[in-house]
Amino acid sequence: MKKTIIKGVALILFLFSTRFAFAQVDFEQGYFVDASGNKVTCLIKDYGKENIPETLIYKKEGATREEEIETATLQEFQIESRNFKKFTVEIDKSPNKPPFFSKVKSGEYKTETVFLQTLTKGEVSLYVFFDTELRIFFLQTENQTPVQLLKKHYRVSNKEFKVNYLFRQQLWNTLKCDSIQRSYLSRIKYNAAALNSVVGKYNNCRGGQSTNYLSKKAKSKFLFTGKFGVAHSGIELLLPFQDEFAKKFSPLIGLEFEWFLPIRKNNWSVFFNVNHQSYGGDEGNDPDIIINNHATLVFSYGVRYHVYPKDGKLHLFFNAMLSQPNFSNKTILETNTTLPGAFRTSSFEGTSLQLGLGMGAYLNSRWFAEYRIGDLGKKVGLNSSLEYKYPYQTLTIGYVIFNNRKP
């Protein structure tokens, strides 16, 4: 038990130390355009936030020294695929929370100089403005100032409010094309995906060039992975008396489903897998207690964090999981002892979820390797007052059978 705890603690410490080590070099390729119009290509610190940072931390190409520049002094900047441009626009920032709705139906515009994030660039471009809980979209025709697409909640009375969907009429006035029907625009939603789609459709209809920045963001993906390897497991009997059976190696096969969450850069995923492993018969410290040969299905549900180095085809991951062993339905424990509370035979049933930890790597988004450790804690059998532990370690190699996105 002590060895298992020590190994678990060591794994957790290694997980966090490695995570922080990678976090120190979280720079992405990008550029900025200063007030004089000079474009500087560099590596920029990426915090993954929607709101505009007050300061950009960057390193010039080939340099190791970090420098800073205030975003207020810039005309434009880009971090990987996220592009931001400064405009002076007419903007209505009316609150979109019920207690604070405006009493005015029409736009209450103020002139402000703001950074807008580019979603689509073409004959007609789409931008979005972020401010705390506000998401305000802007449409720009060639060489014109971006115009706010207005969707506004307003109060009619203390108990009633309505919504001004002016943006739908604005889209109809601007995006005149045979492939865009008014009936479609009359139902379109005020979100990035819907607006980006219709602007892209218009640009394609006009035969012009169009760049979709939204499509470069992280997307959901899922993998099916077949696994094989080796398990090292044993059984510790707690009640009605204590005994321990030798830990043994056995072959393991399994199947895993993993879903990468569409956030940040697919750093987070959740997974479910089942492993089939076995245990050969053995006597305990007391020769009157015998474990028969049996098979075990271990079901695991967990969350995984992925770390992508800047260069290289190998990426690391760390995971925490809840696991549950399900033993074969035959009687696997026998005893001839006459101690109080003894039983003749029993099956290991009624297992509960317990914590496990793991770490591993993907190679070329195809090959998979992982080490896991689990001490599944206290279990209670259904056929008697039987309590036991099932600590295990596994080392597996896998191959991605199906990937809904190309690596």
Protein backbone atom coordinates (compact mmCIF):
# COMPACT_ATOMS: atom_id res chain seq x y z
CA MET A 1 0.00 0.00 0.00
CA LYS A 2 2.80 2.41 0.92
CA LYS A 3 4.60 1.67 -2.35
CA THR A 4 1.42 2.39 -4.31
CA ILE A 5 0.96 5.73 -2.53
CA ILE A 6 4.59 6.71 -3.15
CA LYS A 7 4.28 5.88 -6.85
CA GLY A 8 1.04 7.83 -7.12
CA VAL A 9 2.52 10.89 -5.44
CA ALA A 10 5.61 10.70 -7.67
CA LEU A 11 3.42 10.52 -10.76
CA ILE A 12 1.38 13.56 -9.69
CA LEU A 13 4.52 15.60 -8.96
CA PHE A 14 5.99 14.66 -12.33
CA LEU A 15 2.72 15.58 -14.03
CA PHE A 16 2.65 19.09 -12.60
CA SER A 17 6.38 19.74 -13.01
CA THR A 18 6.20 18.75 -16.67
CA ARG A 19 3.06 20.81 -17.23
CA PHE A 20 4.67 23.92 -15.78
CA ALA A 21 7.88 23.33 -17.72
CA PHE A 22 5.98 23.33 -21.00
CA ALA A 23 3.87 26.32 -19.93
CA GLN A 24 7.00 28.45 -19.67
CA VAL A 25 7.48 28.34 -23.48
CA ASP A 26 3.90 28.97 -24.55
CA PHE A 27 4.78 31.33 -27.44
CA GLU A 28 3.03 31.20 -30.82
CA GLN A 29 3.99 32.48 -34.25
CA GLY A 30 2.48 35.89 -34.96
CA TYR A 31 3.07 39.52 -35.85
CA PHE A 32 2.03 43.04 -34.94
CA VAL A 33 1.78 46.33 -36.84
CA ASP A 34 2.89 49.35 -34.82
CA ALA A 35 1.58 52.92 -34.96
CA SER A 36 3.96 53.76 -37.80
CA GLY A 37 2.73 50.88 -39.93
CA ASN A 38 5.81 48.71 -39.41
CA LYS A 39 5.07 44.98 -39.37
CA VAL A 40 7.12 42.92 -36.90
CA THR A 41 7.05 39.13 -37.26
CA CYS A 42 7.76 37.42 -33.95
CA LEU A 43 6.72 34.84 -31.34
CA ILE A 44 3.95 36.12 -29.05
CA LYS A 45 2.94 34.83 -25.64
CA ASP A 46 -0.45 33.16 -26.01
CA TYR A 47 -2.72 33.21 -22.98
CA GLY A 48 -5.65 31.82 -24.95
CA LYS A 49 -8.02 34.58 -23.82
CA GLU A 50 -10.76 36.18 -25.90
CA ASN A 51 -10.40 39.62 -24.36
CA ILE A 52 -7.60 41.78 -25.70
CA PRO A 53 -4.50 41.78 -23.44
CA GLU A 54 -3.19 45.18 -22.38
CA THR A 55 0.37 44.13 -23.20
CA LEU A 56 1.87 41.74 -25.73
CA ILE A 57 4.89 39.76 -24.58
CA TYR A 58 6.97 38.73 -27.59
CA LYS A 59 10.33 37.50 -28.79
CA LYS A 60 11.83 38.52 -32.10
CA GLU A 61 12.84 35.75 -34.47
CA GLY A 62 16.10 34.15 -33.37
CA ALA A 63 16.10 36.00 -30.04
CA THR A 64 15.65 34.62 -26.52
CA ARG A 65 14.98 37.91 -24.72
CA GLU A 66 11.33 38.72 -24.01
CA GLU A 67 10.02 42.19 -24.87
CA GLU A 68 6.74 43.98 -24.24
CA ILE A 69 4.56 46.40 -26.17
CA GLU A 70 1.22 47.95 -25.24
CA THR A 71 -1.61 46.82 -27.52
CA ALA A 72 -3.09 50.35 -27.37
CA THR A 73 -0.16 51.53 -29.52
CA LEU A 74 -0.76 48.91 -32.24
CA GLN A 75 -2.87 48.96 -35.41
CA GLU A 76 -3.12 45.21 -35.76
CA PHE A 77 -1.73 41.99 -34.32
CA GLN A 78 -2.10 38.28 -34.89
CA ILE A 79 -1.36 35.31 -32.59
CA GLU A 80 -1.27 32.10 -34.58
CA SER A 81 -4.66 32.14 -36.40
CA ARG A 82 -6.33 34.84 -34.27
CA ASN A 83 -6.24 38.24 -35.98
CA PHE A 84 -7.16 41.56 -34.33
CA LYS A 85 -7.51 44.97 -36.01
CA LYS A 86 -8.12 48.41 -34.57
CA PHE A 87 -11.09 50.42 -35.88
CA THR A 88 -12.96 53.55 -34.91
CA VAL A 89 -16.61 52.48 -35.00
CA GLU A 90 -20.10 53.37 -33.83
CA ILE A 91 -20.94 50.81 -31.15
CA ASP A 92 -23.91 50.10 -28.87
CA LYS A 93 -22.80 48.31 -25.70
CA SER A 94 -26.22 48.04 -24.07
CA PRO A 95 -26.24 45.29 -21.39
CA ASN A 96 -27.79 41.95 -22.34
CA LYS A 97 -28.83 40.94 -18.81
CA PRO A 98 -32.54 41.31 -17.88
CA PRO A 99 -32.14 43.66 -14.89
CA PHE A 100 -30.11 46.08 -17.00
CA PHE A 101 -31.93 46.11 -20.35
CA SER A 102 -32.20 49.50 -22.02
CA LYS A 103 -35.59 51.16 -22.49
CA VAL A 104 -34.59 52.25 -26.00
CA LYS A 105 -35.33 49.93 -28.94
CA SER A 106 -32.95 51.51 -31.46
CA GLY A 107 -29.20 51.54 -31.28
CA GLU A 108 -27.58 53.85 -28.74
CA TYR A 109 -24.26 54.32 -30.48
CA LYS A 110 -21.07 55.89 -29.23
CA THR A 111 -17.88 56.45 -31.20
CA GLU A 112 -15.04 54.32 -29.85
CA THR A 113 -11.69 53.02 -31.05
CA VAL A 114 -11.61 49.28 -30.37
CA PHE A 115 -9.91 46.08 -31.45
CA LEU A 116 -12.11 43.69 -33.41
CA GLN A 117 -11.26 40.04 -33.98
CA THR A 118 -11.42 38.93 -37.61
CA LEU A 119 -13.73 35.97 -38.29
CA THR A 120 -13.93 36.16 -42.09
CA LYS A 121 -11.95 38.35 -44.47
CA GLY A 122 -13.14 38.93 -48.03
CA GLU A 123 -15.30 41.19 -50.19
CA VAL A 124 -17.46 41.31 -47.08
CA SER A 125 -15.65 40.75 -43.77
CA LEU A 126 -17.01 39.73 -40.38
CA TYR A 127 -15.57 40.81 -37.02
CA VAL A 128 -16.48 40.34 -33.39
CA PHE A 129 -15.97 42.58 -30.36
CA PHE A 130 -15.47 41.00 -26.92
CA ASP A 131 -16.19 42.84 -23.70
CA THR A 132 -16.83 40.80 -20.57
CA GLU A 133 -20.15 39.09 -21.43
CA LEU A 134 -20.82 41.00 -24.65
CA ARG A 135 -20.33 39.49 -28.12
CA ILE A 136 -20.97 42.17 -30.75
CA PHE A 137 -20.57 41.40 -34.45
CA PHE A 138 -19.56 43.84 -37.18
CA LEU A 139 -19.93 43.64 -40.96
CA GLN A 140 -17.53 45.41 -43.30
CA THR A 141 -17.83 45.89 -47.04
CA GLU A 142 -14.66 46.66 -48.98
CA ASN A 143 -12.89 49.87 -47.90
CA GLN A 144 -15.72 50.83 -45.55
CA THR A 145 -15.80 51.20 -41.77
CA PRO A 146 -17.24 48.08 -40.03
CA VAL A 147 -20.92 48.47 -39.09
CA GLN A 148 -22.40 46.84 -35.99
CA LEU A 149 -24.94 44.09 -36.59
CA LEU A 150 -27.53 45.05 -34.02
CA LYS A 151 -29.37 42.57 -31.84
CA LYS A 152 -30.71 44.32 -28.78
CA HIS A 153 -32.89 43.38 -25.82
CA TYR A 154 -34.98 46.28 -24.52
CA ARG A 155 -37.60 46.78 -21.85
CA VAL A 156 -41.21 47.58 -22.73
CA SER A 157 -42.24 47.64 -19.07
CA ASN A 158 -40.87 46.44 -15.75
CA LYS A 159 -42.21 42.95 -16.48
CA GLU A 160 -41.86 42.73 -20.25
CA PHE A 161 -38.97 42.92 -22.70
CA LYS A 162 -38.57 42.46 -26.43
CA VAL A 163 -35.73 41.91 -28.89
CA ASN A 164 -34.72 44.12 -31.81
CA TYR A 165 -33.43 41.79 -34.58
CA LEU A 166 -32.21 44.58 -36.86
CA PHE A 167 -29.14 42.52 -37.82
CA ARG A 168 -31.29 40.24 -40.01
CA GLN A 169 -32.44 43.19 -42.12
CA GLN A 170 -28.87 44.49 -42.26
CA LEU A 171 -27.69 41.14 -43.62
CA TRP A 172 -30.46 41.11 -46.25
CA ASN A 173 -29.55 44.64 -47.36
CA THR A 174 -25.86 43.78 -47.72
CA LEU A 175 -25.66 40.13 -48.77
CA LYS A 176 -27.67 40.15 -52.00
CA CYS A 177 -27.00 36.83 -53.73
CA ASP A 178 -29.05 34.08 -55.39
CA SER A 179 -27.79 31.45 -52.94
CA ILE A 180 -29.00 33.42 -49.87
CA GLN A 181 -32.74 33.40 -49.31
CA ARG A 182 -34.56 35.94 -47.19
CA SER A 183 -36.42 33.14 -45.41
CA TYR A 184 -33.06 31.83 -44.20
CA LEU A 185 -31.92 35.24 -42.97
CA SER A 186 -35.21 35.77 -41.15
CA ARG A 187 -34.30 32.85 -38.85
CA ILE A 188 -30.54 33.20 -38.62
CA LYS A 189 -29.04 33.22 -35.14
CA TYR A 190 -26.73 35.85 -33.71
CA ASN A 191 -23.62 33.75 -33.19
CA ALA A 192 -20.21 33.35 -34.80
CA ALA A 193 -20.89 30.06 -36.56
CA ALA A 194 -24.14 31.16 -38.24
CA LEU A 195 -22.93 34.63 -39.25
CA ASN A 196 -19.59 33.33 -40.46
CA SER A 197 -21.34 30.74 -42.60
CA VAL A 198 -23.61 33.22 -44.37
CA VAL A 199 -20.81 35.73 -44.99
CA GLY A 200 -18.64 32.96 -46.41
CA LYS A 201 -21.54 31.84 -48.64
CA TYR A 202 -21.91 35.39 -49.97
CA ASN A 203 -18.19 35.73 -50.72
CA ASN A 204 -18.21 32.40 -52.55
CA CYS A 205 -21.31 33.44 -54.48
CA ARG A 206 -19.51 36.59 -55.62
CA GLY A 207 -16.49 34.55 -56.74
CA GLY A 208 -14.06 36.46 -54.54
CA GLN A 209 -11.33 35.31 -52.20
CA SER A 210 -12.37 34.64 -48.61
CA THR A 211 -10.37 33.63 -45.54
CA ASN A 212 -12.26 31.91 -42.72
CA TYR A 213 -10.35 32.47 -39.46
CA LEU A 214 -13.00 30.67 -37.43
CA SER A 215 -12.28 27.38 -39.20
CA LYS A 216 -8.71 27.52 -37.87
CA LYS A 217 -9.87 27.24 -34.28
CA ALA A 218 -9.81 23.99 -32.35
CA LYS A 219 -12.51 21.56 -33.42
CA SER A 220 -13.99 18.59 -31.67
CA LYS A 221 -12.49 15.27 -32.65
CA PHE A 222 -12.71 11.73 -31.42
CA LEU A 223 -10.53 8.64 -31.61
CA PHE A 224 -11.02 4.88 -31.28
CA THR A 225 -7.85 3.15 -30.14
CA GLY A 226 -7.08 -0.56 -29.86
CA LYS A 227 -4.61 -1.40 -27.07
CA PHE A 228 -2.49 -4.30 -25.92
CA GLY A 229 0.06 -4.57 -23.16
CA VAL A 230 0.79 -6.02 -19.76
CA ALA A 231 -0.94 -5.70 -16.39
CA HIS A 232 0.64 -6.19 -12.96
CA SER A 233 -2.06 -6.82 -10.38
CA GLY A 234 -2.79 -8.57 -7.12
CA ILE A 235 -5.47 -8.93 -4.49
CA GLU A 236 -5.30 -7.86 -0.84
CA LEU A 237 -7.92 -9.46 1.41
CA LEU A 238 -9.08 -7.25 4.30
CA LEU A 239 -12.11 -8.98 5.86
CA PRO A 240 -13.08 -11.29 7.44
CA PHE A 241 -9.31 -11.68 7.88
CA GLN A 242 -6.25 -10.19 6.23
CA ASP A 243 -4.18 -11.90 3.58
CA GLU A 244 -2.27 -10.91 0.47
CA PHE A 245 -1.80 -12.68 -2.84
CA ALA A 246 1.27 -12.21 -5.01
CA LYS A 247 1.13 -9.55 -7.71
CA LYS A 248 1.47 -11.15 -11.13
CA PHE A 249 1.99 -10.08 -14.72
CA SER A 250 -0.66 -10.92 -17.30
CA PRO A 251 -1.45 -9.92 -20.91
CA LEU A 252 -3.92 -7.09 -21.47
CA ILE A 253 -6.07 -6.07 -24.42
CA GLY A 254 -8.44 -3.12 -24.55
CA LEU A 255 -10.40 -0.56 -26.51
CA GLU A 256 -10.62 3.19 -25.82
CA PHE A 257 -12.87 6.01 -27.02
CA GLU A 258 -11.45 9.53 -26.61
CA TRP A 259 -13.23 12.82 -27.32
CA PHE A 260 -11.12 15.98 -27.67
CA LEU A 261 -13.01 19.02 -26.40
CA PRO A 262 -13.32 21.92 -28.90
CA ILE A 263 -11.56 24.42 -26.64
CA ARG A 264 -8.18 26.13 -26.81
CA LYS A 265 -6.02 23.80 -28.93
CA ASN A 266 -7.57 20.43 -28.11
CA ASN A 267 -5.54 20.31 -24.89
CA TRP A 268 -8.37 18.61 -22.99
CA SER A 269 -10.14 15.35 -23.71
CA VAL A 270 -12.38 12.85 -21.95
CA PHE A 271 -12.16 9.12 -22.46
CA PHE A 272 -13.77 5.77 -21.71
CA ASN A 273 -11.98 2.48 -22.05
CA VAL A 274 -12.30 -1.18 -21.11
CA ASN A 275 -9.31 -3.46 -20.53
CA HIS A 276 -9.41 -7.26 -20.31
CA GLN A 277 -6.79 -8.79 -18.04
CA SER A 278 -6.42 -12.00 -16.02
CA TYR A 279 -4.94 -13.37 -12.81
CA GLY A 280 -3.43 -16.82 -12.34
CA GLY A 281 -4.33 -18.94 -9.32
CA ASP A 282 -2.33 -18.47 -6.14
CA GLU A 283 -2.23 -19.27 -2.45
CA GLY A 284 -2.23 -16.53 0.12
CA ASN A 285 0.14 -16.25 3.05
CA ASP A 286 -2.28 -18.69 4.65
CA PRO A 287 -2.16 -21.83 2.43
CA ASP A 288 -5.80 -22.54 3.28
CA ILE A 289 -6.89 -19.49 1.25
CA ILE A 290 -6.77 -19.94 -2.52
CA ILE A 291 -7.43 -17.63 -5.47
CA ASN A 292 -8.58 -19.45 -8.60
CA ASN A 293 -7.76 -18.36 -12.14
CA HIS A 294 -10.08 -15.58 -13.24
CA ALA A 295 -10.49 -12.79 -15.79
CA THR A 296 -11.19 -9.12 -15.08
CA LEU A 297 -12.74 -6.33 -17.16
CA VAL A 298 -11.57 -2.95 -15.88
CA PHE A 299 -13.79 -0.03 -16.98
CA SER A 300 -12.25 3.44 -16.76
CA TYR A 301 -13.72 6.93 -17.21
CA GLY A 302 -11.41 9.90 -17.11
CA VAL A 303 -10.12 13.28 -18.21
CA ARG A 304 -6.84 13.82 -20.07
CA TYR A 305 -4.58 16.84 -20.54
CA HIS A 306 -2.40 16.99 -23.67
CA VAL A 307 0.91 18.87 -23.96
CA TYR A 308 2.06 19.69 -27.50
CA PRO A 309 5.77 20.57 -27.91
CA LYS A 310 6.60 23.19 -30.51
CA ASP A 311 8.40 20.83 -32.84
CA GLY A 312 8.21 17.09 -33.14
CA LYS A 313 5.63 14.44 -33.85
CA LEU A 314 5.42 13.24 -30.24
CA HIS A 315 3.04 14.80 -27.72
CA LEU A 316 2.55 13.93 -24.07
CA PHE A 317 -0.59 13.51 -22.00
CA PHE A 318 -1.57 13.05 -18.35
CA ASN A 319 -4.86 11.71 -17.08
CA ALA A 320 -6.89 11.04 -13.97
CA MET A 321 -9.64 8.44 -14.03
CA LEU A 322 -12.20 6.49 -12.10
CA SER A 323 -11.83 2.74 -12.61
CA GLN A 324 -13.98 -0.24 -11.76
CA PRO A 325 -12.91 -3.91 -12.05
CA ASN A 326 -15.59 -6.47 -12.92
CA PHE A 327 -14.54 -10.03 -12.23
CA SER A 328 -15.70 -13.14 -14.08
CA ASN A 329 -18.84 -14.67 -12.65
CA LYS A 330 -17.29 -17.87 -11.32
CA THR A 331 -16.29 -18.50 -7.71
CA ILE A 332 -12.69 -17.35 -7.44
CA LEU A 333 -11.94 -17.38 -3.69
CA GLU A 334 -11.89 -20.52 -1.57
CA THR A 335 -10.88 -21.19 2.04
CA ASN A 336 -10.61 -24.14 4.36
CA THR A 337 -9.91 -22.03 7.44
CA THR A 338 -12.04 -22.35 10.57
CA LEU A 339 -11.42 -18.79 11.73
CA PRO A 340 -14.46 -16.80 12.93
CA GLY A 341 -16.37 -15.27 10.03
CA ALA A 342 -14.76 -17.62 7.53
CA PHE A 343 -16.51 -18.60 4.29
CA ARG A 344 -16.11 -21.58 2.05
CA THR A 345 -16.32 -19.82 -1.30
CA SER A 346 -16.98 -16.30 -2.53
CA SER A 347 -17.04 -14.20 -5.68
CA PHE A 348 -15.53 -10.70 -5.88
CA GLU A 349 -18.56 -8.55 -6.57
CA GLY A 350 -19.91 -5.13 -5.71
CA THR A 351 -16.82 -3.21 -6.75
CA SER A 352 -16.87 0.58 -6.52
CA LEU A 353 -15.23 3.38 -8.51
CA GLN A 354 -11.78 4.45 -7.33
CA LEU A 355 -9.13 6.89 -8.47
CA GLY A 356 -6.30 6.06 -10.86
CA LEU A 357 -3.58 8.11 -12.59
CA GLY A 358 -1.77 7.76 -15.89
CA MET A 359 0.67 9.33 -18.29
CA GLY A 360 1.73 8.59 -21.85
CA ALA A 361 2.29 9.88 -25.35
CA TYR A 362 0.93 9.92 -28.91
CA LEU A 363 3.28 9.50 -31.88
CA ASN A 364 2.12 10.95 -35.21
CA SER A 365 -1.43 10.99 -33.78
CA ARG A 366 -1.51 7.25 -34.52
CA TRP A 367 0.61 5.30 -32.05
CA PHE A 368 -0.22 5.43 -28.37
CA ALA A 369 1.67 4.41 -25.20
CA GLU A 370 0.50 4.77 -21.60
CA TYR A 371 1.43 3.82 -18.05
CA ARG A 372 -1.32 3.66 -15.39
CA ILE A 373 -1.38 3.04 -11.69
CA GLY A 374 -4.49 2.35 -9.63
CA ASP A 375 -5.16 1.31 -6.05
CA LEU A 376 -8.85 0.72 -6.22
CA GLY A 377 -9.39 0.90 -2.50
CA LYS A 378 -11.99 -0.89 -0.44
CA LYS A 379 -14.46 -3.31 -2.03
CA VAL A 380 -17.37 -5.19 -0.53
CA GLY A 381 -18.53 -8.59 -1.84
CA LEU A 382 -22.23 -9.31 -2.23
CA ASN A 383 -22.07 -12.96 -1.12
CA SER A 384 -20.47 -12.38 2.28
CA SER A 385 -18.85 -9.77 4.47
CA LEU A 386 -15.86 -9.80 2.14
CA GLU A 387 -13.66 -6.73 1.80
CA TYR A 388 -10.63 -6.55 -0.46
CA LYS A 389 -8.38 -4.30 -2.57
CA TYR A 390 -7.32 -4.68 -6.18
CA PRO A 391 -4.18 -2.58 -6.82
CA TYR A 392 -2.84 -2.70 -10.36
CA GLN A 393 -0.39 -1.16 -12.82
CA THR A 394 -0.60 -1.35 -16.60
CA LEU A 395 1.67 -0.55 -19.51
CA THR A 396 -0.06 -0.45 -22.90
CA ILE A 397 0.74 0.22 -26.54
CA GLY A 398 -2.08 1.24 -28.86
CA TYR A 399 -2.94 2.17 -32.42
CA VAL A 400 -5.64 4.66 -33.42
CA ILE A 401 -8.18 2.64 -35.41
CA PHE A 402 -10.39 5.60 -36.31
CA ASN A 403 -9.83 9.37 -36.26
CA ASN A 404 -12.66 11.64 -37.46
CA ARG A 405 -10.07 14.28 -38.39
CA LYS A 406 -6.83 13.82 -40.26
CA PRO A 407 -3.79 13.96 -37.98
